[in-house]
N, C-alpha and C. Protein backbone atom coordinates (compact mmCIF):
# COMPACT_ATOMS: atom_id res chain seq x y z
N UNK A 1 76.73 24.39 63.89
CA UNK A 1 75.94 24.75 62.73
C UNK A 1 75.98 23.59 61.72
N UNK A 2 74.87 23.33 61.12
CA UNK A 2 74.76 22.26 60.14
C UNK A 2 75.58 22.59 58.89
N UNK A 3 76.34 21.61 58.40
CA UNK A 3 77.10 21.83 57.17
C UNK A 3 76.16 21.89 55.99
N UNK A 4 76.45 22.79 55.05
CA UNK A 4 75.61 22.86 53.87
C UNK A 4 76.24 22.06 52.73
N UNK A 5 75.42 21.60 51.83
CA UNK A 5 75.86 20.80 50.69
C UNK A 5 76.81 21.60 49.83
N UNK A 6 76.52 22.87 49.66
CA UNK A 6 77.35 23.74 48.85
C UNK A 6 78.26 24.54 49.76
N UNK A 7 79.52 24.64 49.41
CA UNK A 7 80.51 25.32 50.22
C UNK A 7 80.41 26.83 49.96
N UNK A 8 79.46 27.48 50.61
CA UNK A 8 79.25 28.91 50.40
C UNK A 8 79.30 29.66 51.72
N UNK A 9 79.83 30.85 51.66
CA UNK A 9 79.87 31.74 52.81
C UNK A 9 78.58 32.56 52.87
N UNK A 10 78.10 32.94 51.68
CA UNK A 10 76.87 33.73 51.57
C UNK A 10 76.42 33.71 50.12
N UNK A 11 75.22 34.22 49.89
CA UNK A 11 74.73 34.45 48.53
C UNK A 11 74.12 35.84 48.50
N UNK A 12 74.08 36.42 47.30
CA UNK A 12 73.42 37.72 47.16
C UNK A 12 72.71 37.76 45.82
N UNK A 13 71.54 38.39 45.81
CA UNK A 13 70.77 38.51 44.58
C UNK A 13 71.54 39.35 43.58
N UNK A 14 71.58 38.87 42.32
CA UNK A 14 72.26 39.64 41.28
C UNK A 14 71.27 40.20 40.26
N UNK A 15 70.43 39.35 39.67
CA UNK A 15 69.49 39.81 38.66
C UNK A 15 68.45 38.74 38.40
N UNK A 16 67.49 39.04 37.52
CA UNK A 16 66.55 38.02 37.07
C UNK A 16 66.50 38.06 35.54
N UNK A 17 65.95 37.02 34.95
CA UNK A 17 66.00 36.88 33.49
C UNK A 17 65.25 37.98 32.76
N UNK A 18 64.27 38.60 33.40
CA UNK A 18 63.51 39.65 32.73
C UNK A 18 64.25 40.98 32.70
N UNK A 19 65.39 41.06 33.40
CA UNK A 19 66.17 42.30 33.46
C UNK A 19 67.43 42.27 32.60
N UNK A 20 67.66 41.16 31.90
CA UNK A 20 68.89 41.02 31.13
C UNK A 20 68.58 40.59 29.70
N UNK A 21 69.55 40.76 28.81
CA UNK A 21 69.34 40.31 27.42
C UNK A 21 69.76 38.84 27.29
N UNK A 22 69.48 38.26 26.13
CA UNK A 22 69.70 36.83 25.92
C UNK A 22 71.17 36.45 26.01
N UNK A 23 72.06 37.30 25.53
CA UNK A 23 73.49 36.96 25.59
C UNK A 23 73.98 36.92 27.04
N UNK A 24 73.50 37.83 27.88
CA UNK A 24 73.86 37.81 29.30
C UNK A 24 73.28 36.58 29.97
N UNK A 25 72.02 36.25 29.63
CA UNK A 25 71.38 35.06 30.18
C UNK A 25 72.18 33.81 29.82
N UNK A 26 72.58 33.69 28.56
CA UNK A 26 73.36 32.52 28.13
C UNK A 26 74.68 32.43 28.88
N UNK A 27 75.31 33.57 29.11
CA UNK A 27 76.57 33.59 29.85
C UNK A 27 76.36 33.15 31.30
N UNK A 28 75.29 33.65 31.93
CA UNK A 28 75.00 33.29 33.31
C UNK A 28 74.61 31.81 33.45
N UNK A 29 73.95 31.26 32.44
CA UNK A 29 73.49 29.87 32.50
C UNK A 29 74.53 28.87 31.99
N UNK A 30 75.65 29.34 31.50
CA UNK A 30 76.68 28.46 30.96
C UNK A 30 77.13 27.46 32.02
N UNK A 31 77.07 26.18 31.67
CA UNK A 31 77.49 25.11 32.58
C UNK A 31 76.49 24.79 33.67
N UNK A 32 75.25 25.23 33.52
CA UNK A 32 74.23 25.00 34.56
C UNK A 32 73.90 23.52 34.70
N UNK A 33 73.78 23.08 35.95
CA UNK A 33 73.35 21.71 36.26
C UNK A 33 72.24 21.80 37.30
N UNK A 34 71.44 20.74 37.38
CA UNK A 34 70.36 20.73 38.38
C UNK A 34 70.95 20.87 39.77
N UNK A 35 70.20 21.52 40.64
CA UNK A 35 70.67 21.78 42.00
C UNK A 35 69.66 21.30 43.03
N UNK A 36 70.10 21.22 44.26
CA UNK A 36 69.29 20.77 45.38
C UNK A 36 68.36 21.90 45.84
N UNK A 37 67.07 21.76 45.57
CA UNK A 37 66.08 22.79 45.92
C UNK A 37 66.06 23.09 47.41
N UNK A 38 66.02 22.06 48.21
CA UNK A 38 65.92 22.25 49.66
C UNK A 38 67.10 23.06 50.19
N UNK A 39 68.30 22.72 49.73
CA UNK A 39 69.49 23.42 50.20
C UNK A 39 69.50 24.87 49.72
N UNK A 40 69.14 25.10 48.47
CA UNK A 40 69.12 26.47 47.96
C UNK A 40 68.04 27.29 48.65
N UNK A 41 66.87 26.72 48.88
CA UNK A 41 65.83 27.43 49.63
C UNK A 41 66.33 27.82 51.01
N UNK A 42 67.07 26.92 51.66
CA UNK A 42 67.62 27.21 52.98
C UNK A 42 68.61 28.37 52.92
N UNK A 43 69.46 28.38 51.88
CA UNK A 43 70.43 29.47 51.72
C UNK A 43 69.74 30.80 51.42
N UNK A 44 68.72 30.76 50.56
CA UNK A 44 67.97 31.99 50.25
C UNK A 44 67.28 32.51 51.52
N UNK A 45 66.70 31.61 52.28
CA UNK A 45 66.03 32.02 53.52
C UNK A 45 67.01 32.66 54.49
N UNK A 46 68.22 32.12 54.56
CA UNK A 46 69.22 32.63 55.50
C UNK A 46 69.82 33.97 55.05
N UNK A 47 70.19 34.06 53.77
CA UNK A 47 70.93 35.24 53.30
C UNK A 47 70.08 36.27 52.56
N UNK A 48 68.95 35.88 52.02
CA UNK A 48 68.07 36.81 51.30
C UNK A 48 66.61 36.57 51.74
N UNK A 49 66.30 36.81 53.00
CA UNK A 49 64.96 36.50 53.51
C UNK A 49 63.83 37.25 52.80
N UNK A 50 64.11 38.43 52.29
CA UNK A 50 63.08 39.18 51.55
C UNK A 50 62.65 38.41 50.32
N UNK A 51 63.61 37.85 49.58
CA UNK A 51 63.28 37.05 48.40
C UNK A 51 62.57 35.76 48.79
N UNK A 52 63.01 35.15 49.86
CA UNK A 52 62.37 33.92 50.33
C UNK A 52 60.88 34.17 50.58
N UNK A 53 60.57 35.26 51.25
CA UNK A 53 59.17 35.59 51.53
C UNK A 53 58.43 36.06 50.29
N UNK A 54 59.08 36.88 49.47
CA UNK A 54 58.45 37.41 48.27
C UNK A 54 58.05 36.28 47.31
N UNK A 55 58.93 35.29 47.17
CA UNK A 55 58.66 34.17 46.26
C UNK A 55 57.90 33.04 46.93
N UNK A 56 57.62 33.18 48.22
CA UNK A 56 56.90 32.16 48.99
C UNK A 56 57.54 30.78 48.79
N UNK A 57 58.84 30.71 49.02
CA UNK A 57 59.59 29.47 48.80
C UNK A 57 59.27 28.40 49.83
N UNK A 58 58.49 28.75 50.85
CA UNK A 58 58.05 27.74 51.81
C UNK A 58 56.92 26.88 51.24
N UNK A 59 56.37 27.25 50.09
CA UNK A 59 55.33 26.46 49.42
C UNK A 59 55.93 25.68 48.25
N UNK A 60 55.19 24.70 47.77
CA UNK A 60 55.65 23.86 46.67
C UNK A 60 55.94 24.70 45.43
N UNK A 61 57.06 24.42 44.79
CA UNK A 61 57.46 25.10 43.56
C UNK A 61 57.81 24.03 42.54
N UNK A 62 57.05 23.89 41.45
CA UNK A 62 57.28 22.81 40.50
C UNK A 62 58.49 23.00 39.59
N UNK A 63 59.10 24.17 39.62
CA UNK A 63 60.22 24.44 38.72
C UNK A 63 61.53 23.93 39.30
N UNK A 64 62.46 23.56 38.42
CA UNK A 64 63.78 23.09 38.83
C UNK A 64 64.71 24.24 39.16
N UNK A 65 65.69 23.96 39.98
CA UNK A 65 66.73 24.93 40.33
C UNK A 65 68.03 24.50 39.65
N UNK A 66 68.92 25.45 39.46
CA UNK A 66 70.18 25.17 38.80
C UNK A 66 71.33 25.79 39.57
N UNK A 67 72.52 25.27 39.29
CA UNK A 67 73.75 25.82 39.86
C UNK A 67 74.77 25.95 38.75
N UNK A 68 75.45 27.06 38.72
CA UNK A 68 76.58 27.25 37.81
C UNK A 68 77.81 27.44 38.70
N UNK A 69 78.93 27.72 38.09
CA UNK A 69 80.16 27.90 38.87
C UNK A 69 80.04 29.08 39.84
N UNK A 70 79.30 30.12 39.45
CA UNK A 70 79.24 31.34 40.25
C UNK A 70 77.84 31.72 40.75
N UNK A 71 76.81 30.97 40.36
CA UNK A 71 75.45 31.35 40.72
C UNK A 71 74.57 30.16 41.09
N UNK A 72 73.58 30.44 41.93
CA UNK A 72 72.43 29.56 42.10
C UNK A 72 71.31 30.21 41.30
N UNK A 73 70.52 29.40 40.64
CA UNK A 73 69.41 29.92 39.84
C UNK A 73 68.12 29.35 40.41
N UNK A 74 67.30 30.21 40.98
CA UNK A 74 66.00 29.83 41.51
C UNK A 74 64.97 30.16 40.45
N UNK A 75 64.23 29.15 40.01
CA UNK A 75 63.20 29.37 39.00
C UNK A 75 61.85 29.36 39.70
N UNK A 76 61.11 30.45 39.53
CA UNK A 76 59.80 30.58 40.16
C UNK A 76 58.88 31.30 39.19
N UNK A 77 57.73 30.71 38.90
CA UNK A 77 56.77 31.28 37.96
C UNK A 77 57.43 31.56 36.61
N UNK A 78 58.28 30.64 36.18
CA UNK A 78 59.01 30.70 34.90
C UNK A 78 59.95 31.90 34.80
N UNK A 79 60.34 32.45 35.92
CA UNK A 79 61.33 33.53 35.97
C UNK A 79 62.55 33.02 36.72
N UNK A 80 63.72 33.24 36.15
CA UNK A 80 64.96 32.78 36.77
C UNK A 80 65.59 33.91 37.58
N UNK A 81 65.83 33.63 38.85
CA UNK A 81 66.47 34.59 39.75
C UNK A 81 67.90 34.11 39.98
N UNK A 82 68.86 34.97 39.71
CA UNK A 82 70.28 34.62 39.83
C UNK A 82 70.84 35.15 41.14
N UNK A 83 71.36 34.23 41.95
CA UNK A 83 72.00 34.59 43.21
C UNK A 83 73.49 34.27 43.10
N UNK A 84 74.30 35.28 43.30
CA UNK A 84 75.76 35.12 43.22
C UNK A 84 76.25 34.36 44.45
N UNK A 85 77.13 33.40 44.23
CA UNK A 85 77.71 32.60 45.31
C UNK A 85 78.96 33.31 45.83
N UNK A 86 79.00 33.49 47.13
CA UNK A 86 80.19 34.01 47.79
C UNK A 86 80.78 32.83 48.55
N UNK A 87 81.87 32.29 48.03
CA UNK A 87 82.43 31.06 48.58
C UNK A 87 83.25 31.32 49.83
N UNK A 88 83.25 30.31 50.69
CA UNK A 88 84.01 30.43 51.94
C UNK A 88 85.45 30.04 51.76
C-alpha cells in the first residue's frame, strides 16, 4: 500500500461551518495550515466516499484545504467541511 503524506489510520466527517457557531469554528481552525489537496482528496475518497462523490472532489476545486492538529478541512463552495483525523 502506498504511504500517505499524513500519518492517519482513518478520517471521519465531524461537521461543517454552517452547522456550528463562530467560537466553535475558531476553536476547530486554531493552528490551521495549508494542506495537500491531492492527499486529502485521496483520504476522503477512501474513508468517506459519500462526501467525495457529493462534493465532486474529482473535479477542479479552487479553494484551499487546511490541516489542524486534529482535523483536515476541505473547503468547497466556500463551506468548510471538518474531518476528524484518526491517527495510526
